N, C-alpha and C. Protein backbone atom coordinates (compact mmCIF):
# COMPACT_ATOMS: atom_id res chain seq x y z
N UNK A 1 174.29 96.59 117.45
CA UNK A 1 172.97 96.95 116.99
C UNK A 1 172.76 98.45 117.15
N UNK A 2 172.32 99.11 116.08
CA UNK A 2 172.03 100.53 116.12
C UNK A 2 170.53 100.74 116.02
N UNK A 3 170.06 101.80 116.67
CA UNK A 3 168.62 102.06 116.62
C UNK A 3 168.37 103.56 116.62
N UNK A 4 167.18 103.92 116.19
CA UNK A 4 166.71 105.30 116.22
C UNK A 4 165.22 105.26 116.48
N UNK A 5 164.74 106.15 117.34
CA UNK A 5 163.30 106.26 117.59
C UNK A 5 162.86 107.59 117.01
N UNK A 6 161.99 107.54 116.01
CA UNK A 6 161.51 108.76 115.35
C UNK A 6 160.03 108.94 115.64
N UNK A 7 159.58 110.19 115.63
CA UNK A 7 158.16 110.47 115.83
C UNK A 7 157.74 110.51 117.29
N UNK A 8 158.70 110.61 118.24
CA UNK A 8 158.35 110.66 119.66
C UNK A 8 157.57 111.94 119.96
N UNK A 9 156.71 111.93 120.97
CA UNK A 9 156.42 110.81 121.86
C UNK A 9 155.17 110.02 121.50
N UNK A 10 154.31 110.52 120.61
CA UNK A 10 153.00 109.88 120.47
C UNK A 10 152.84 108.92 119.30
N UNK A 11 153.59 109.11 118.24
CA UNK A 11 153.50 108.19 117.10
C UNK A 11 154.88 107.67 116.72
N UNK A 12 155.61 107.08 117.66
CA UNK A 12 157.00 106.71 117.38
C UNK A 12 157.13 105.45 116.52
N UNK A 13 158.21 105.43 115.79
CA UNK A 13 158.64 104.24 115.04
C UNK A 13 160.04 103.91 115.52
N UNK A 14 160.26 102.66 115.83
CA UNK A 14 161.58 102.17 116.21
C UNK A 14 162.26 101.62 114.97
N UNK A 15 163.38 102.24 114.62
CA UNK A 15 164.16 101.82 113.44
C UNK A 15 165.42 101.12 113.94
N UNK A 16 165.57 99.85 113.60
CA UNK A 16 166.68 99.03 114.12
C UNK A 16 167.53 98.53 112.97
N UNK A 17 168.84 98.69 113.08
CA UNK A 17 169.79 98.15 112.11
C UNK A 17 170.47 96.94 112.73
N UNK A 18 170.29 95.78 112.12
CA UNK A 18 170.84 94.53 112.66
C UNK A 18 172.05 94.11 111.83
N UNK A 19 173.14 93.82 112.53
CA UNK A 19 174.37 93.35 111.90
C UNK A 19 174.56 91.86 112.21
N UNK A 20 175.50 91.23 111.53
CA UNK A 20 175.82 89.82 111.80
C UNK A 20 176.24 89.68 113.26
N UNK A 21 175.66 88.73 113.94
CA UNK A 21 175.96 88.49 115.34
C UNK A 21 175.00 89.16 116.31
N UNK A 22 174.19 90.11 115.83
CA UNK A 22 173.21 90.76 116.69
C UNK A 22 172.05 89.81 116.99
N UNK A 23 171.52 89.93 118.20
CA UNK A 23 170.33 89.16 118.60
C UNK A 23 169.26 90.17 119.01
N UNK A 24 168.27 90.32 118.13
CA UNK A 24 167.21 91.28 118.37
C UNK A 24 165.88 90.55 118.43
N UNK A 25 165.07 90.86 119.45
CA UNK A 25 163.81 90.16 119.68
C UNK A 25 162.65 91.15 119.65
N UNK A 26 161.59 90.78 118.95
CA UNK A 26 160.39 91.61 118.90
C UNK A 26 159.19 90.72 118.62
N UNK A 27 158.02 91.22 118.95
CA UNK A 27 156.80 90.51 118.57
C UNK A 27 156.60 90.69 117.08
N UNK A 28 156.31 89.61 116.38
CA UNK A 28 156.18 89.65 114.93
C UNK A 28 155.11 90.65 114.49
N UNK A 29 154.02 90.76 115.26
CA UNK A 29 152.94 91.68 114.89
C UNK A 29 153.34 93.15 115.04
N UNK A 30 154.45 93.43 115.72
CA UNK A 30 154.92 94.81 115.88
C UNK A 30 155.82 95.26 114.74
N UNK A 31 156.40 94.29 114.01
CA UNK A 31 157.32 94.60 112.92
C UNK A 31 156.51 94.83 111.65
N UNK A 32 156.62 96.03 111.06
CA UNK A 32 155.82 96.30 109.86
C UNK A 32 156.65 96.45 108.60
N UNK A 33 157.99 96.41 108.72
CA UNK A 33 158.84 96.47 107.53
C UNK A 33 160.21 95.89 107.86
N UNK A 34 160.78 95.13 106.90
CA UNK A 34 162.13 94.58 107.08
C UNK A 34 162.74 94.30 105.72
N UNK A 35 164.10 94.24 105.69
CA UNK A 35 164.82 93.98 104.45
C UNK A 35 164.75 92.50 104.07
N UNK A 36 165.03 92.22 102.81
CA UNK A 36 164.88 90.87 102.26
C UNK A 36 165.82 89.86 102.92
N UNK A 37 166.97 90.29 103.42
CA UNK A 37 167.91 89.35 104.02
C UNK A 37 167.67 89.12 105.52
N UNK A 38 166.57 89.65 106.04
CA UNK A 38 166.22 89.43 107.45
C UNK A 38 165.69 88.02 107.65
N UNK A 39 166.17 87.38 108.71
CA UNK A 39 165.66 86.05 109.07
C UNK A 39 165.09 86.13 110.48
N UNK A 40 164.17 85.24 110.77
CA UNK A 40 163.59 85.21 112.11
C UNK A 40 163.12 83.82 112.45
N UNK A 41 163.02 83.59 113.75
CA UNK A 41 162.46 82.35 114.25
C UNK A 41 161.81 82.63 115.60
N UNK A 42 160.77 81.86 115.90
CA UNK A 42 160.08 82.06 117.17
C UNK A 42 161.00 81.65 118.30
N UNK A 43 161.01 82.45 119.36
CA UNK A 43 161.92 82.18 120.46
C UNK A 43 161.15 81.91 121.74
N UNK A 44 160.83 82.92 122.50
CA UNK A 44 160.17 82.72 123.79
C UNK A 44 159.27 83.89 124.13
N UNK A 45 158.34 83.65 125.03
CA UNK A 45 157.44 84.69 125.53
C UNK A 45 156.77 85.48 124.40
N UNK A 46 156.38 84.79 123.32
CA UNK A 46 155.70 85.42 122.19
C UNK A 46 156.62 86.37 121.40
N UNK A 47 157.93 86.29 121.61
CA UNK A 47 158.88 87.12 120.88
C UNK A 47 159.59 86.27 119.83
N UNK A 48 159.98 86.92 118.73
CA UNK A 48 160.75 86.27 117.67
C UNK A 48 162.17 86.83 117.67
N UNK A 49 163.14 85.97 117.39
CA UNK A 49 164.52 86.38 117.23
C UNK A 49 164.73 86.81 115.78
N UNK A 50 165.22 88.02 115.57
CA UNK A 50 165.54 88.53 114.24
C UNK A 50 167.06 88.60 114.11
N UNK A 51 167.58 88.14 112.96
CA UNK A 51 169.01 88.09 112.77
C UNK A 51 169.33 88.11 111.28
N UNK A 52 170.62 88.25 110.95
CA UNK A 52 171.08 88.20 109.57
C UNK A 52 172.30 87.29 109.48
N UNK A 53 172.46 86.64 108.34
CA UNK A 53 173.63 85.78 108.09
C UNK A 53 174.66 86.47 107.21
N UNK A 54 174.24 87.44 106.42
CA UNK A 54 175.15 88.07 105.47
C UNK A 54 175.22 89.58 105.67
N UNK A 55 174.32 90.29 105.03
CA UNK A 55 174.35 91.75 105.07
C UNK A 55 173.46 92.29 106.19
N UNK A 56 173.73 93.53 106.58
CA UNK A 56 172.91 94.14 107.63
C UNK A 56 171.47 94.32 107.15
N UNK A 57 170.58 94.50 108.10
CA UNK A 57 169.17 94.60 107.79
C UNK A 57 168.54 95.69 108.63
N UNK A 58 167.47 96.26 108.12
CA UNK A 58 166.74 97.28 108.87
C UNK A 58 165.32 96.80 109.13
N UNK A 59 164.89 96.93 110.38
CA UNK A 59 163.52 96.62 110.78
C UNK A 59 162.85 97.91 111.22
N UNK A 60 161.56 98.03 110.91
CA UNK A 60 160.75 99.13 111.40
C UNK A 60 159.67 98.54 112.30
N UNK A 61 159.56 99.08 113.50
CA UNK A 61 158.67 98.54 114.51
C UNK A 61 157.81 99.66 115.07
N UNK A 62 156.55 99.35 115.29
CA UNK A 62 155.67 100.34 115.91
C UNK A 62 154.89 99.68 117.04
N UNK A 63 154.42 100.51 117.92
CA UNK A 63 153.57 100.03 119.01
C UNK A 63 152.12 100.15 118.58
N UNK A 64 151.29 99.23 119.03
CA UNK A 64 149.88 99.27 118.68
C UNK A 64 149.08 100.19 119.60
N UNK A 65 149.77 100.86 120.52
CA UNK A 65 149.09 101.80 121.40
C UNK A 65 149.61 103.21 121.15
N UNK A 66 148.84 104.19 121.56
CA UNK A 66 149.14 105.59 121.32
C UNK A 66 150.06 106.10 122.42
N UNK A 67 151.36 106.18 122.14
CA UNK A 67 152.28 106.66 123.16
C UNK A 67 153.74 106.40 122.84
N UNK A 68 154.57 106.72 123.78
CA UNK A 68 156.01 106.79 123.66
C UNK A 68 156.69 105.42 123.60
N UNK A 69 157.90 105.40 123.08
CA UNK A 69 158.82 104.25 123.12
C UNK A 69 160.15 104.77 123.66
N UNK A 70 160.74 104.04 124.59
CA UNK A 70 162.05 104.43 125.13
C UNK A 70 162.95 103.20 125.27
N UNK A 71 164.25 103.45 125.25
CA UNK A 71 165.25 102.40 125.42
C UNK A 71 165.77 102.43 126.85
N UNK A 72 165.93 101.24 127.44
CA UNK A 72 166.51 101.11 128.78
C UNK A 72 167.66 100.11 128.70
N UNK A 73 168.85 100.54 129.09
CA UNK A 73 170.04 99.68 129.09
C UNK A 73 170.03 98.84 130.37
N UNK A 74 170.02 97.52 130.22
CA UNK A 74 170.02 96.64 131.38
C UNK A 74 171.43 96.53 131.97
N UNK A 75 172.44 96.45 131.13
CA UNK A 75 173.86 96.56 131.53
C UNK A 75 174.25 95.64 132.68
N UNK A 76 173.85 94.37 132.62
CA UNK A 76 174.25 93.41 133.62
C UNK A 76 173.48 93.51 134.93
N UNK A 77 172.45 94.33 134.96
CA UNK A 77 171.66 94.52 136.17
C UNK A 77 170.33 93.75 136.06
N UNK A 78 169.41 94.06 136.95
CA UNK A 78 168.08 93.48 136.94
C UNK A 78 167.06 94.60 136.89
N UNK A 79 165.95 94.37 136.18
CA UNK A 79 164.87 95.34 136.11
C UNK A 79 163.56 94.57 136.12
N UNK A 80 162.58 95.05 136.90
CA UNK A 80 161.23 94.52 136.87
C UNK A 80 160.43 95.33 135.86
N UNK A 81 159.73 94.63 134.95
CA UNK A 81 159.06 95.31 133.84
C UNK A 81 157.62 94.82 133.70
N UNK A 82 156.70 95.76 133.55
CA UNK A 82 155.30 95.44 133.24
C UNK A 82 155.26 94.67 131.92
N UNK A 83 154.62 93.50 131.91
CA UNK A 83 154.62 92.65 130.71
C UNK A 83 154.00 93.34 129.50
N UNK A 84 153.03 94.23 129.71
CA UNK A 84 152.39 94.94 128.60
C UNK A 84 153.28 96.03 128.02
N UNK A 85 154.32 96.40 128.75
CA UNK A 85 155.19 97.50 128.31
C UNK A 85 156.36 97.04 127.44
N UNK A 86 156.71 95.75 127.50
CA UNK A 86 157.89 95.27 126.77
C UNK A 86 157.57 95.15 125.28
N UNK A 87 158.25 95.97 124.48
CA UNK A 87 158.02 95.98 123.03
C UNK A 87 159.06 95.15 122.29
N UNK A 88 160.33 95.27 122.69
CA UNK A 88 161.42 94.55 122.01
C UNK A 88 162.64 94.57 122.92
N UNK A 89 163.64 93.73 122.58
CA UNK A 89 164.88 93.72 123.37
C UNK A 89 166.01 93.14 122.54
N UNK A 90 167.24 93.33 123.00
CA UNK A 90 168.40 92.79 122.31
C UNK A 90 169.43 92.32 123.32
N UNK A 91 170.37 91.52 122.84
CA UNK A 91 171.46 91.08 123.69
C UNK A 91 171.20 89.73 124.33
N UNK A 92 171.93 89.47 125.40
CA UNK A 92 171.83 88.20 126.11
C UNK A 92 171.06 88.42 127.42
N UNK A 93 169.75 88.49 127.31
CA UNK A 93 168.90 88.77 128.45
C UNK A 93 168.08 87.54 128.83
N UNK A 94 167.84 87.39 130.11
CA UNK A 94 166.92 86.37 130.61
C UNK A 94 165.65 87.09 131.02
N UNK A 95 164.53 86.65 130.47
CA UNK A 95 163.24 87.24 130.79
C UNK A 95 162.43 86.19 131.53
N UNK A 96 162.27 86.41 132.82
CA UNK A 96 161.64 85.44 133.71
C UNK A 96 160.22 85.89 134.04
N UNK A 97 159.22 85.12 133.58
CA UNK A 97 157.83 85.44 133.90
C UNK A 97 157.25 84.46 134.92
N UNK A 98 158.12 83.67 135.54
CA UNK A 98 157.68 82.68 136.52
C UNK A 98 158.27 82.92 137.92
N UNK A 99 159.02 84.00 138.10
CA UNK A 99 159.62 84.26 139.41
C UNK A 99 158.51 84.52 140.43
N UNK A 100 158.86 84.51 141.70
CA UNK A 100 157.89 84.54 142.79
C UNK A 100 156.85 85.63 142.74
N UNK A 101 157.19 86.83 142.33
CA UNK A 101 156.23 87.93 142.33
C UNK A 101 155.60 88.22 140.99
N UNK A 102 155.84 87.39 140.00
CA UNK A 102 155.41 87.69 138.63
C UNK A 102 153.92 87.95 138.51
N UNK A 103 153.11 87.02 138.97
CA UNK A 103 151.68 87.14 138.77
C UNK A 103 150.93 87.79 139.90
N UNK A 104 151.63 88.20 140.93
CA UNK A 104 150.97 88.74 142.12
C UNK A 104 151.04 90.26 142.22
N UNK A 105 151.79 90.90 141.37
CA UNK A 105 152.01 92.34 141.52
C UNK A 105 150.80 93.16 141.05
N UNK A 106 150.33 92.88 139.83
CA UNK A 106 149.23 93.67 139.27
C UNK A 106 147.89 93.03 139.60
N UNK A 107 146.86 93.86 139.82
CA UNK A 107 145.54 93.33 140.14
C UNK A 107 144.87 92.74 138.90
N UNK A 108 145.25 93.18 137.72
CA UNK A 108 144.71 92.63 136.48
C UNK A 108 145.45 91.34 136.15
N UNK A 109 144.74 90.24 136.04
CA UNK A 109 145.39 88.93 135.83
C UNK A 109 146.08 88.80 134.49
N UNK A 110 145.78 89.70 133.54
CA UNK A 110 146.43 89.64 132.23
C UNK A 110 147.79 90.33 132.22
N UNK A 111 148.09 91.05 133.28
CA UNK A 111 149.35 91.78 133.39
C UNK A 111 150.20 91.14 134.48
N UNK A 112 151.46 90.95 134.21
CA UNK A 112 152.36 90.36 135.19
C UNK A 112 153.69 91.10 135.15
N UNK A 113 154.51 90.83 136.14
CA UNK A 113 155.77 91.54 136.30
C UNK A 113 156.91 90.64 135.83
N UNK A 114 157.63 91.08 134.78
CA UNK A 114 158.78 90.34 134.27
C UNK A 114 160.02 90.71 135.06
N UNK A 115 160.88 89.73 135.28
CA UNK A 115 162.19 89.98 135.88
C UNK A 115 163.23 89.82 134.78
N UNK A 116 163.87 90.91 134.39
CA UNK A 116 164.80 90.90 133.26
C UNK A 116 166.21 91.11 133.79
N UNK A 117 167.11 90.19 133.43
CA UNK A 117 168.51 90.26 133.85
C UNK A 117 169.42 89.98 132.67
N UNK A 118 170.68 90.38 132.79
CA UNK A 118 171.67 90.07 131.76
C UNK A 118 172.27 91.31 131.15
N UNK A 119 172.87 91.12 129.98
CA UNK A 119 173.52 92.21 129.26
C UNK A 119 172.77 92.47 127.96
N UNK A 120 172.35 93.69 127.81
CA UNK A 120 171.58 94.08 126.63
C UNK A 120 170.69 95.24 126.98
N UNK A 121 169.61 95.40 126.24
CA UNK A 121 168.70 96.50 126.50
C UNK A 121 167.29 96.16 126.06
N UNK A 122 166.34 96.92 126.57
CA UNK A 122 164.94 96.70 126.22
C UNK A 122 164.33 97.99 125.69
N UNK A 123 163.29 97.85 124.91
CA UNK A 123 162.49 98.97 124.45
C UNK A 123 161.12 98.83 125.11
N UNK A 124 160.72 99.85 125.85
CA UNK A 124 159.43 99.82 126.50
C UNK A 124 158.49 100.79 125.81
N UNK A 125 157.22 100.46 125.84
CA UNK A 125 156.19 101.30 125.23
C UNK A 125 155.23 101.77 126.32
N UNK A 126 154.49 102.82 126.02
CA UNK A 126 153.59 103.38 127.03
C UNK A 126 152.43 104.07 126.37
N UNK A 127 151.41 104.32 127.16
CA UNK A 127 150.36 105.26 126.77
C UNK A 127 150.81 106.63 127.27
N UNK A 128 150.76 107.60 126.40
CA UNK A 128 151.27 108.92 126.77
C UNK A 128 152.79 108.93 126.74
N UNK A 129 153.39 109.68 127.64
CA UNK A 129 154.85 109.78 127.66
C UNK A 129 155.44 108.87 128.73
N UNK A 130 156.74 108.58 128.59
CA UNK A 130 157.47 107.80 129.58
C UNK A 130 158.29 108.77 130.42
N UNK A 131 158.19 108.61 131.72
CA UNK A 131 158.88 109.49 132.65
C UNK A 131 159.71 108.65 133.60
N UNK A 132 160.99 108.96 133.70
CA UNK A 132 161.91 108.24 134.59
C UNK A 132 162.14 109.09 135.83
N UNK A 133 162.02 108.46 137.01
CA UNK A 133 162.19 109.20 138.25
C UNK A 133 163.01 108.38 139.23
N UNK A 134 163.92 109.04 139.94
CA UNK A 134 164.67 108.41 141.02
C UNK A 134 163.82 108.49 142.28
N UNK A 135 163.51 107.32 142.85
CA UNK A 135 162.70 107.26 144.07
C UNK A 135 163.66 107.14 145.26
N UNK A 136 163.65 108.14 146.14
CA UNK A 136 164.55 108.10 147.31
C UNK A 136 163.79 108.20 148.62
N UNK A 137 162.53 108.60 148.57
CA UNK A 137 161.72 108.68 149.78
C UNK A 137 160.40 107.97 149.53
N UNK A 138 159.60 107.80 150.54
CA UNK A 138 158.34 107.07 150.41
C UNK A 138 157.46 107.71 149.34
N UNK A 139 157.07 106.91 148.35
CA UNK A 139 156.32 107.40 147.21
C UNK A 139 155.16 106.46 146.91
N UNK A 140 153.97 107.00 146.71
CA UNK A 140 152.78 106.22 146.38
C UNK A 140 152.55 106.29 144.88
N UNK A 141 152.32 105.12 144.25
CA UNK A 141 152.19 105.05 142.80
C UNK A 141 151.00 104.19 142.42
N UNK A 142 150.16 104.71 141.53
CA UNK A 142 149.06 103.92 140.97
C UNK A 142 149.68 102.78 140.14
N UNK A 143 149.29 101.55 140.41
CA UNK A 143 149.92 100.41 139.73
C UNK A 143 149.78 100.47 138.21
N UNK A 144 148.72 101.08 137.70
CA UNK A 144 148.49 101.12 136.25
C UNK A 144 149.44 102.08 135.54
N UNK A 145 150.15 102.90 136.28
CA UNK A 145 151.12 103.82 135.67
C UNK A 145 152.55 103.30 135.75
N UNK A 146 152.75 102.12 136.34
CA UNK A 146 154.09 101.56 136.51
C UNK A 146 154.50 100.79 135.26
N UNK A 147 155.62 101.20 134.68
CA UNK A 147 156.19 100.48 133.53
C UNK A 147 157.33 99.57 133.95
N UNK A 148 158.23 100.08 134.78
CA UNK A 148 159.41 99.30 135.19
C UNK A 148 160.03 99.96 136.42
N UNK A 149 160.78 99.14 137.18
CA UNK A 149 161.51 99.69 138.32
C UNK A 149 162.65 98.78 138.71
N UNK A 150 163.63 99.37 139.39
CA UNK A 150 164.81 98.62 139.81
C UNK A 150 164.52 97.84 141.10
N UNK A 151 165.12 96.67 141.27
CA UNK A 151 164.85 95.84 142.45
C UNK A 151 165.39 96.41 143.76
N UNK A 152 166.16 97.48 143.69
CA UNK A 152 166.63 98.13 144.91
C UNK A 152 165.49 98.84 145.64
N UNK A 153 164.35 98.99 144.97
CA UNK A 153 163.18 99.62 145.58
C UNK A 153 162.36 98.59 146.35
N UNK A 154 162.00 98.94 147.57
CA UNK A 154 161.09 98.12 148.36
C UNK A 154 159.67 98.55 148.00
N UNK A 155 158.74 97.61 148.00
CA UNK A 155 157.36 97.96 147.66
C UNK A 155 156.37 97.08 148.41
N UNK A 156 155.19 97.64 148.61
CA UNK A 156 154.10 96.87 149.19
C UNK A 156 152.78 97.52 148.76
N UNK A 157 151.70 96.73 148.67
CA UNK A 157 150.41 97.28 148.26
C UNK A 157 149.90 98.31 149.27
N UNK A 158 149.14 99.27 148.77
CA UNK A 158 148.58 100.30 149.63
C UNK A 158 147.21 100.69 149.08
N UNK A 159 146.19 100.64 149.91
CA UNK A 159 144.83 101.00 149.48
C UNK A 159 144.47 102.37 150.02
N UNK A 160 144.05 103.25 149.10
CA UNK A 160 143.55 104.56 149.51
C UNK A 160 142.08 104.44 149.86
N UNK A 161 141.67 105.13 150.90
CA UNK A 161 140.26 105.08 151.28
C UNK A 161 139.38 105.67 150.19
N UNK A 162 138.25 105.01 149.95
CA UNK A 162 137.25 105.47 148.97
C UNK A 162 137.82 105.63 147.57
N UNK A 163 138.76 104.77 147.20
CA UNK A 163 139.37 104.82 145.86
C UNK A 163 139.47 103.40 145.35
N UNK A 164 138.97 103.16 144.13
CA UNK A 164 138.99 101.80 143.59
C UNK A 164 140.28 101.47 142.85
N UNK A 165 141.21 102.40 142.81
CA UNK A 165 142.50 102.12 142.17
C UNK A 165 143.42 101.41 143.15
N UNK A 166 144.39 100.66 142.59
CA UNK A 166 145.38 99.96 143.42
C UNK A 166 146.69 100.74 143.39
N UNK A 167 147.21 101.02 144.56
CA UNK A 167 148.46 101.75 144.69
C UNK A 167 149.52 100.86 145.33
N UNK A 168 150.78 101.24 145.08
CA UNK A 168 151.91 100.65 145.79
C UNK A 168 152.66 101.78 146.47
N UNK A 169 153.25 101.46 147.61
CA UNK A 169 154.13 102.40 148.26
C UNK A 169 155.56 101.89 148.06
N UNK A 170 156.42 102.77 147.55
CA UNK A 170 157.81 102.43 147.26
C UNK A 170 158.73 103.25 148.15
N UNK A 171 159.86 102.65 148.50
CA UNK A 171 160.94 103.40 149.15
C UNK A 171 162.25 102.65 148.94
N UNK A 172 163.32 103.22 149.38
CA UNK A 172 164.62 102.58 149.25
C UNK A 172 165.58 103.44 148.48
N UNK A 173 165.54 103.38 147.19
CA UNK A 173 166.44 104.14 146.33
C UNK A 173 166.62 103.42 145.02
N UNK A 174 166.06 103.95 143.95
CA UNK A 174 166.19 103.33 142.65
C UNK A 174 165.33 104.05 141.62
N UNK A 175 165.54 103.70 140.37
CA UNK A 175 164.80 104.33 139.27
C UNK A 175 163.48 103.62 139.03
N UNK A 176 162.49 104.43 138.66
CA UNK A 176 161.20 103.91 138.24
C UNK A 176 160.81 104.59 136.94
N UNK A 177 160.15 103.83 136.07
CA UNK A 177 159.66 104.35 134.80
C UNK A 177 158.14 104.35 134.85
N UNK A 178 157.54 105.53 134.60
CA UNK A 178 156.10 105.70 134.62
C UNK A 178 155.58 105.95 133.20
N UNK A 179 154.30 105.72 133.02
CA UNK A 179 153.61 106.20 131.84
C UNK A 179 152.60 107.24 132.30
N UNK A 180 152.34 108.23 131.47
CA UNK A 180 151.47 109.32 131.89
C UNK A 180 149.99 108.98 131.78
N UNK A 181 149.66 107.92 131.03
CA UNK A 181 148.28 107.47 130.93
C UNK A 181 148.23 105.99 131.25
N UNK A 182 147.04 105.46 131.43
CA UNK A 182 146.88 104.05 131.81
C UNK A 182 146.98 103.17 130.58
N UNK A 183 147.71 102.07 130.70
CA UNK A 183 147.91 101.12 129.62
C UNK A 183 146.78 100.11 129.61
N UNK A 184 145.91 100.20 128.61
CA UNK A 184 144.81 99.24 128.47
C UNK A 184 145.28 98.05 127.67
N UNK A 185 144.65 96.92 127.89
CA UNK A 185 145.06 95.68 127.21
C UNK A 185 144.49 95.62 125.81
N UNK A 186 145.26 94.98 124.94
CA UNK A 186 144.77 94.69 123.61
C UNK A 186 144.00 93.38 123.66
N UNK A 187 143.05 93.23 122.78
CA UNK A 187 142.22 92.02 122.78
C UNK A 187 143.04 90.76 122.57
N UNK A 188 144.08 90.85 121.76
CA UNK A 188 144.85 89.66 121.41
C UNK A 188 146.10 89.45 122.23
N UNK A 189 146.34 90.28 123.25
CA UNK A 189 147.51 90.09 124.09
C UNK A 189 147.42 88.75 124.81
N UNK A 190 148.52 88.02 124.84
CA UNK A 190 148.56 86.79 125.61
C UNK A 190 148.85 87.14 127.05
N UNK A 191 148.55 86.22 127.97
CA UNK A 191 148.71 86.41 129.41
C UNK A 191 149.47 87.66 129.78
């Protein structure tokens, strides 16, 4: 599967070329253009599987929010991902929204933490820009700016005095993906 992200960081379009044997997943409402030989079927977690039987196909995908799109290679590892940030993915990935910490991480009940494992990659979306940082020492992060992080990071809730925002304190050693602005929910987003 080949891809290109054009128009970064604020009005990006994800352009995906699907070949025979590729498994590409996206929300149907995010796909705004595709070739005539593209096929799809509903799969899981509100995502559709897009594929071809004969010739290659091109899909154009956009985010419904104002901000960046980035690719993250899972490469046989595990990544925790904000459910509102997952735009599309490919390969043989398991997306678990029922694991022990899924619904307990974010204070907003409409947002949950996905546990993604396997071989493939994901496309995450954000408000503003996406920033990747290696966390090696104790770091405090506003939960609304968290897009994804590696499970090698330890975390626990942390409340700042006289502040109504929810923070987490992280340490250990691992990558974290931030968004520069807060991700608000869409009216039609499912859980």
